[in-house]
Amino acid sequence: AVRRHLPALRATAAQPGAEGAQVDAAIGCAWAGDAECARELLANLGTRAELRPWSTVEVRAAYAGIARAEGDLRRALQIMAETRTNCHGCELTFIGRLYEELEQPDSAAAAYERYIGTPSMDRLWNDAMLPVMHEMLGGYYEQRGDANAAAQHYARVIALWQNADPVLQPRVEAARQRLAQLQPDR
């Protein structure tokens, strides 16, 4: 889905004074699998966008995305795991996704649960990922036989996406069906 927006991201990032947009566009490019685009955007920012221990979470997310796009999921995970930020938990969405791709659902679930458990005022960005996290966690707990936890997460998917765009409604309906199967007496 991000790939179709790459031209718009690049155009926005090219505007004078749009350094934040350049980093956001680099993240978008990298996590969409276009490492070259991400590197190009970061290079335009010069040394401010080099990967260093004190780099911002956004710069680190871009470099983790580049590593991911190049097939080095472990390096991407290392970059995000070493991220220190004032945005408590912002790195957890990336970490959870990487664990999913590494086929480590226990670790992915732990990262998502930590993110969801972080007070909302500390989660400055990425709350758009909450329904996706709840969806993953519903399936995770259902697979492990914890119907109560699975039902709670599917209910959150429904609540968060009930008025979402039509393209997401099949996922809401799937969550409703899973919830009905988990709670047949309701």
C-alpha atoms as a PDB file:
ATOM      1  CA  ALA A   1       0.000   0.000   0.000  1.00  0.00           C
ATOM      2  CA  VAL A   2       2.878   2.385   0.732  1.00  0.00           C
ATOM      3  CA  ARG A   3       4.445   1.832  -2.705  1.00  0.00           C
ATOM      4  CA  ARG A   4       1.656   3.655  -4.511  1.00  0.00           C
ATOM      5  CA  HIS A   5       2.256   6.681  -2.281  1.00  0.00           C
ATOM      6  CA  LEU A   6       6.029   6.827  -2.858  1.00  0.00           C
ATOM      7  CA  PRO A   7       5.824   9.507  -5.594  1.00  0.00           C
ATOM      8  CA  ALA A   8       3.810  11.743  -3.259  1.00  0.00           C
ATOM      9  CA  LEU A   9       6.210  11.053  -0.387  1.00  0.00           C
ATOM     10  CA  ARG A  10       9.168  11.988  -2.560  1.00  0.00           C
ATOM     11  CA  ALA A  11       7.447  15.168  -3.775  1.00  0.00           C
ATOM     12  CA  THR A  12       6.610  16.254  -0.234  1.00  0.00           C
ATOM     13  CA  ALA A  13      10.128  15.454   0.948  1.00  0.00           C
ATOM     14  CA  ALA A  14      11.606  17.598  -1.844  1.00  0.00           C
ATOM     15  CA  GLN A  15       9.956  20.771  -0.504  1.00  0.00           C
ATOM     16  CA  PRO A  16      12.285  23.296   1.180  1.00  0.00           C
ATOM     17  CA  GLY A  17      12.348  22.897   4.952  1.00  0.00           C
ATOM     18  CA  ALA A  18      10.748  19.470   4.805  1.00  0.00           C
ATOM     19  CA  GLU A  19      13.419  17.579   6.712  1.00  0.00           C
ATOM     20  CA  GLY A  20      10.861  15.752   8.835  1.00  0.00           C
ATOM     21  CA  ALA A  21       8.975  14.775   5.690  1.00  0.00           C
ATOM     22  CA  GLN A  22      12.217  13.468   4.188  1.00  0.00           C
ATOM     23  CA  VAL A  23      12.792  11.179   7.134  1.00  0.00           C
ATOM     24  CA  ASP A  24       9.138  10.061   7.066  1.00  0.00           C
ATOM     25  CA  ALA A  25       9.421   9.399   3.340  1.00  0.00           C
ATOM     26  CA  ALA A  26      12.641   7.451   3.938  1.00  0.00           C
ATOM     27  CA  ILE A  27      10.823   5.298   6.483  1.00  0.00           C
ATOM     28  CA  GLY A  28       7.988   4.757   4.008  1.00  0.00           C
ATOM     29  CA  CYS A  29      10.364   3.830   1.206  1.00  0.00           C
ATOM     30  CA  ALA A  30      12.453   1.531   3.381  1.00  0.00           C
ATOM     31  CA  TRP A  31       9.539  -0.351   4.924  1.00  0.00           C
ATOM     32  CA  ALA A  32       7.913  -0.647   1.495  1.00  0.00           C
ATOM     33  CA  GLY A  33      11.073  -2.447   0.386  1.00  0.00           C
ATOM     34  CA  ASP A  34      12.764   0.371  -1.562  1.00  0.00           C
ATOM     35  CA  ALA A  35      16.143   0.692   0.160  1.00  0.00           C
ATOM     36  CA  GLU A  36      17.559   2.822  -2.673  1.00  0.00           C
ATOM     37  CA  CYS A  37      14.825   5.440  -2.285  1.00  0.00           C
ATOM     38  CA  ALA A  38      15.359   5.523   1.491  1.00  0.00           C
ATOM     39  CA  ARG A  39      19.118   5.905   1.171  1.00  0.00           C
ATOM     40  CA  GLU A  40      18.652   8.720  -1.354  1.00  0.00           C
ATOM     41  CA  LEU A  41      16.310  10.627   0.955  1.00  0.00           C
ATOM     42  CA  LEU A  42      18.578  10.166   3.968  1.00  0.00           C
ATOM     43  CA  ALA A  43      21.626  11.249   1.953  1.00  0.00           C
ATOM     44  CA  ASN A  44      19.845  14.515   1.175  1.00  0.00           C
ATOM     45  CA  LEU A  45      19.831  15.249   4.898  1.00  0.00           C
ATOM     46  CA  GLY A  46      23.588  14.751   5.196  1.00  0.00           C
ATOM     47  CA  THR A  47      25.147  13.870   8.533  1.00  0.00           C
ATOM     48  CA  ARG A  48      21.915  14.639  10.427  1.00  0.00           C
ATOM     49  CA  ALA A  49      20.528  11.363   9.119  1.00  0.00           C
ATOM     50  CA  GLU A  50      23.507   9.085   9.724  1.00  0.00           C
ATOM     51  CA  LEU A  51      22.904   6.058  11.924  1.00  0.00           C
ATOM     52  CA  ARG A  52      24.451   6.780  15.305  1.00  0.00           C
ATOM     53  CA  PRO A  53      23.604   5.646  18.836  1.00  0.00           C
ATOM     54  CA  TRP A  54      21.845   8.968  19.515  1.00  0.00           C
ATOM     55  CA  SER A  55      19.930   9.076  16.233  1.00  0.00           C
ATOM     56  CA  THR A  56      16.227   9.800  16.478  1.00  0.00           C
ATOM     57  CA  VAL A  57      13.769   6.923  16.408  1.00  0.00           C
ATOM     58  CA  GLU A  58      12.702   8.047  12.928  1.00  0.00           C
ATOM     59  CA  VAL A  59      16.236   7.873  11.508  1.00  0.00           C
ATOM     60  CA  ARG A  60      16.791   4.526  13.194  1.00  0.00           C
ATOM     61  CA  ALA A  61      13.462   3.241  11.830  1.00  0.00           C
ATOM     62  CA  ALA A  62      14.560   4.255   8.330  1.00  0.00           C
ATOM     63  CA  TYR A  63      17.864   2.394   8.682  1.00  0.00           C
ATOM     64  CA  ALA A  64      16.092  -0.638  10.156  1.00  0.00           C
ATOM     65  CA  GLY A  65      13.737  -0.544   7.182  1.00  0.00           C
ATOM     66  CA  ILE A  66      16.697  -0.433   4.823  1.00  0.00           C
ATOM     67  CA  ALA A  67      18.218  -3.493   6.517  1.00  0.00           C
ATOM     68  CA  ARG A  68      14.829  -5.223   6.273  1.00  0.00           C
ATOM     69  CA  ALA A  69      14.479  -4.308   2.585  1.00  0.00           C
ATOM     70  CA  GLU A  70      17.914  -5.795   1.990  1.00  0.00           C
ATOM     71  CA  GLY A  71      16.864  -9.021   3.704  1.00  0.00           C
ATOM     72  CA  ASP A  72      18.778  -8.552   6.967  1.00  0.00           C
ATOM     73  CA  LEU A  73      15.946  -8.864   9.488  1.00  0.00           C
ATOM     74  CA  ARG A  74      18.321  -9.530  12.388  1.00  0.00           C
ATOM     75  CA  ARG A  75      20.238  -6.292  11.697  1.00  0.00           C
ATOM     76  CA  ALA A  76      16.949  -4.401  11.437  1.00  0.00           C
ATOM     77  CA  LEU A  77      15.859  -5.847  14.777  1.00  0.00           C
ATOM     78  CA  GLN A  78      19.204  -4.933  16.344  1.00  0.00           C
ATOM     79  CA  ILE A  79      18.891  -1.321  15.164  1.00  0.00           C
ATOM     80  CA  MET A  80      15.381  -0.993  16.611  1.00  0.00           C
ATOM     81  CA  ALA A  81      16.225  -2.841  19.840  1.00  0.00           C
ATOM     82  CA  GLU A  82      19.087  -0.392  20.451  1.00  0.00           C
ATOM     83  CA  THR A  83      16.804   2.600  19.922  1.00  0.00           C
ATOM     84  CA  ARG A  84      16.432   4.900  22.888  1.00  0.00           C
ATOM     85  CA  THR A  85      13.769   7.529  22.619  1.00  0.00           C
ATOM     86  CA  ASN A  86      11.542   9.864  24.582  1.00  0.00           C
ATOM     87  CA  CYS A  87       8.580   8.333  22.773  1.00  0.00           C
ATOM     88  CA  HIS A  88       8.098   5.378  25.073  1.00  0.00           C
ATOM     89  CA  GLY A  89       7.293   2.352  23.001  1.00  0.00           C
ATOM     90  CA  CYS A  90       7.501   3.908  19.525  1.00  0.00           C
ATOM     91  CA  GLU A  91      10.107   1.369  18.492  1.00  0.00           C
ATOM     92  CA  LEU A  92       7.901  -1.538  19.591  1.00  0.00           C
ATOM     93  CA  THR A  93       5.682  -1.433  16.504  1.00  0.00           C
ATOM     94  CA  PHE A  94       8.725  -1.955  14.317  1.00  0.00           C
ATOM     95  CA  ILE A  95      10.159  -4.596  16.639  1.00  0.00           C
ATOM     96  CA  GLY A  96       6.883  -6.525  16.698  1.00  0.00           C
ATOM     97  CA  ARG A  97       6.649  -6.483  12.918  1.00  0.00           C
ATOM     98  CA  LEU A  98      10.229  -7.707  12.576  1.00  0.00           C
ATOM     99  CA  TYR A  99       9.581 -10.547  15.019  1.00  0.00           C
ATOM    100  CA  GLU A 100       6.519 -11.495  12.971  1.00  0.00           C
ATOM    101  CA  GLU A 101       8.661 -11.630   9.838  1.00  0.00           C
ATOM    102  CA  LEU A 102      11.265 -13.682  11.702  1.00  0.00           C
ATOM    103  CA  GLU A 103       8.400 -16.075  12.542  1.00  0.00           C
ATOM    104  CA  GLN A 104       8.787 -15.499  16.280  1.00  0.00           C
ATOM    105  CA  PRO A 105       5.158 -14.901  17.299  1.00  0.00           C
ATOM    106  CA  ASP A 106       5.855 -15.027  21.053  1.00  0.00           C
ATOM    107  CA  SER A 107       8.326 -12.153  20.761  1.00  0.00           C
ATOM    108  CA  ALA A 108       6.036 -10.237  18.389  1.00  0.00           C
ATOM    109  CA  ALA A 109       3.132 -10.627  20.813  1.00  0.00           C
ATOM    110  CA  ALA A 110       5.300  -9.460  23.725  1.00  0.00           C
ATOM    111  CA  ALA A 111       6.352  -6.331  21.791  1.00  0.00           C
ATOM    112  CA  TYR A 112       2.762  -5.527  20.828  1.00  0.00           C
ATOM    113  CA  GLU A 113       1.467  -6.121  24.371  1.00  0.00           C
ATOM    114  CA  ARG A 114       4.167  -3.786  25.717  1.00  0.00           C
ATOM    115  CA  TYR A 115       3.169  -1.130  23.177  1.00  0.00           C
ATOM    116  CA  ILE A 116      -0.539  -1.466  23.958  1.00  0.00           C
ATOM    117  CA  GLY A 117       0.275  -1.308  27.674  1.00  0.00           C
ATOM    118  CA  THR A 118       2.224   1.932  27.281  1.00  0.00           C
ATOM    119  CA  PRO A 119       0.153   4.927  28.439  1.00  0.00           C
ATOM    120  CA  SER A 120      -1.346   6.564  25.365  1.00  0.00           C
ATOM    121  CA  MET A 121       0.207   9.965  26.057  1.00  0.00           C
ATOM    122  CA  ASP A 122       3.618   8.349  25.620  1.00  0.00           C
ATOM    123  CA  ARG A 123       2.708   6.815  22.253  1.00  0.00           C
ATOM    124  CA  LEU A 124       3.215   9.871  20.078  1.00  0.00           C
ATOM    125  CA  TRP A 125       2.783   8.083  16.749  1.00  0.00           C
ATOM    126  CA  ASN A 126       1.889   4.628  15.492  1.00  0.00           C
ATOM    127  CA  ASP A 127      -1.513   4.323  17.155  1.00  0.00           C
ATOM    128  CA  ALA A 128      -2.811   3.728  13.642  1.00  0.00           C
ATOM    129  CA  MET A 129      -1.195   0.314  14.080  1.00  0.00           C
ATOM    130  CA  LEU A 130      -3.309  -0.575  17.140  1.00  0.00           C
ATOM    131  CA  PRO A 131      -6.022  -2.461  15.220  1.00  0.00           C
ATOM    132  CA  VAL A 132      -3.370  -4.449  13.353  1.00  0.00           C
ATOM    133  CA  MET A 133      -1.673  -5.313  16.637  1.00  0.00           C
ATOM    134  CA  HIS A 134      -4.965  -6.383  18.206  1.00  0.00           C
ATOM    135  CA  GLU A 135      -5.740  -8.457  15.115  1.00  0.00           C
ATOM    136  CA  MET A 136      -2.384 -10.248  15.359  1.00  0.00           C
ATOM    137  CA  LEU A 137      -2.775 -10.750  19.096  1.00  0.00           C
ATOM    138  CA  GLY A 138      -6.295 -12.144  18.672  1.00  0.00           C
ATOM    139  CA  GLY A 139      -4.947 -14.797  16.325  1.00  0.00           C
ATOM    140  CA  TYR A 140      -1.936 -15.418  18.548  1.00  0.00           C
ATOM    141  CA  TYR A 141      -4.014 -16.055  21.676  1.00  0.00           C
ATOM    142  CA  GLU A 142      -6.609 -18.047  19.766  1.00  0.00           C
ATOM    143  CA  GLN A 143      -3.884 -20.340  18.436  1.00  0.00           C
ATOM    144  CA  ARG A 144      -2.611 -20.832  21.990  1.00  0.00           C
ATOM    145  CA  GLY A 145      -6.064 -21.702  23.273  1.00  0.00           C
ATOM    146  CA  ASP A 146      -6.632 -18.547  25.332  1.00  0.00           C
ATOM    147  CA  ALA A 147     -10.153 -17.761  24.108  1.00  0.00           C
ATOM    148  CA  ASN A 148     -10.688 -14.945  26.616  1.00  0.00           C
ATOM    149  CA  ALA A 149      -7.579 -12.997  25.591  1.00  0.00           C
ATOM    150  CA  ALA A 150      -8.289 -13.654  21.899  1.00  0.00           C
ATOM    151  CA  ALA A 151     -11.857 -12.393  22.292  1.00  0.00           C
ATOM    152  CA  GLN A 152     -10.656  -9.215  24.006  1.00  0.00           C
ATOM    153  CA  HIS A 153      -8.311  -8.427  21.143  1.00  0.00           C
ATOM    154  CA  TYR A 154     -10.857  -9.209  18.421  1.00  0.00           C
ATOM    155  CA  ALA A 155     -13.338  -6.937  20.219  1.00  0.00           C
ATOM    156  CA  ARG A 156     -10.759  -4.127  20.103  1.00  0.00           C
ATOM    157  CA  VAL A 157     -10.283  -4.645  16.340  1.00  0.00           C
ATOM    158  CA  ILE A 158     -14.024  -4.263  15.885  1.00  0.00           C
ATOM    159  CA  ALA A 159     -14.212  -1.180  18.112  1.00  0.00           C
ATOM    160  CA  LEU A 160     -11.251   0.543  16.483  1.00  0.00           C
ATOM    161  CA  TRP A 161     -12.175  -0.222  12.869  1.00  0.00           C
ATOM    162  CA  GLN A 162     -15.977  -0.308  12.975  1.00  0.00           C
ATOM    163  CA  ASN A 163     -16.152   2.966  11.005  1.00  0.00           C
ATOM    164  CA  ALA A 164     -13.000   2.389   8.954  1.00  0.00           C
ATOM    165  CA  ASP A 165     -12.780   2.625   5.185  1.00  0.00           C
ATOM    166  CA  PRO A 166     -14.581  -0.077   3.183  1.00  0.00           C
ATOM    167  CA  VAL A 167     -11.292  -1.763   2.301  1.00  0.00           C
ATOM    168  CA  LEU A 168     -10.852  -2.668   6.002  1.00  0.00           C
ATOM    169  CA  GLN A 169     -14.399  -3.883   6.607  1.00  0.00           C
ATOM    170  CA  PRO A 170     -13.641  -7.504   5.594  1.00  0.00           C
ATOM    171  CA  ARG A 171     -11.095  -7.600   8.411  1.00  0.00           C
ATOM    172  CA  VAL A 172     -13.688  -6.202  10.831  1.00  0.00           C
ATOM    173  CA  GLU A 173     -16.144  -8.867   9.690  1.00  0.00           C
ATOM    174  CA  ALA A 174     -13.494 -11.565  10.138  1.00  0.00           C
ATOM    175  CA  ALA A 175     -12.889 -10.313  13.692  1.00  0.00           C
ATOM    176  CA  ARG A 176     -16.658 -10.433  14.349  1.00  0.00           C
ATOM    177  CA  GLN A 177     -16.792 -14.022  13.105  1.00  0.00           C
ATOM    178  CA  ARG A 178     -13.793 -15.061  15.237  1.00  0.00           C
ATOM    179  CA  LEU A 179     -15.345 -13.337  18.253  1.00  0.00           C
ATOM    180  CA  ALA A 180     -18.684 -15.109  17.678  1.00  0.00           C
ATOM    181  CA  GLN A 181     -16.901 -18.467  17.498  1.00  0.00           C
ATOM    182  CA  LEU A 182     -14.972 -17.734  20.680  1.00  0.00           C
ATOM    183  CA  GLN A 183     -18.096 -16.607  22.553  1.00  0.00           C
ATOM    184  CA  PRO A 184     -20.906 -18.768  21.161  1.00  0.00           C
ATOM    185  CA  ASP A 185     -23.217 -18.083  24.119  1.00  0.00           C
ATOM    186  CA  ARG A 186     -23.407 -14.352  23.378  1.00  0.00           C
END
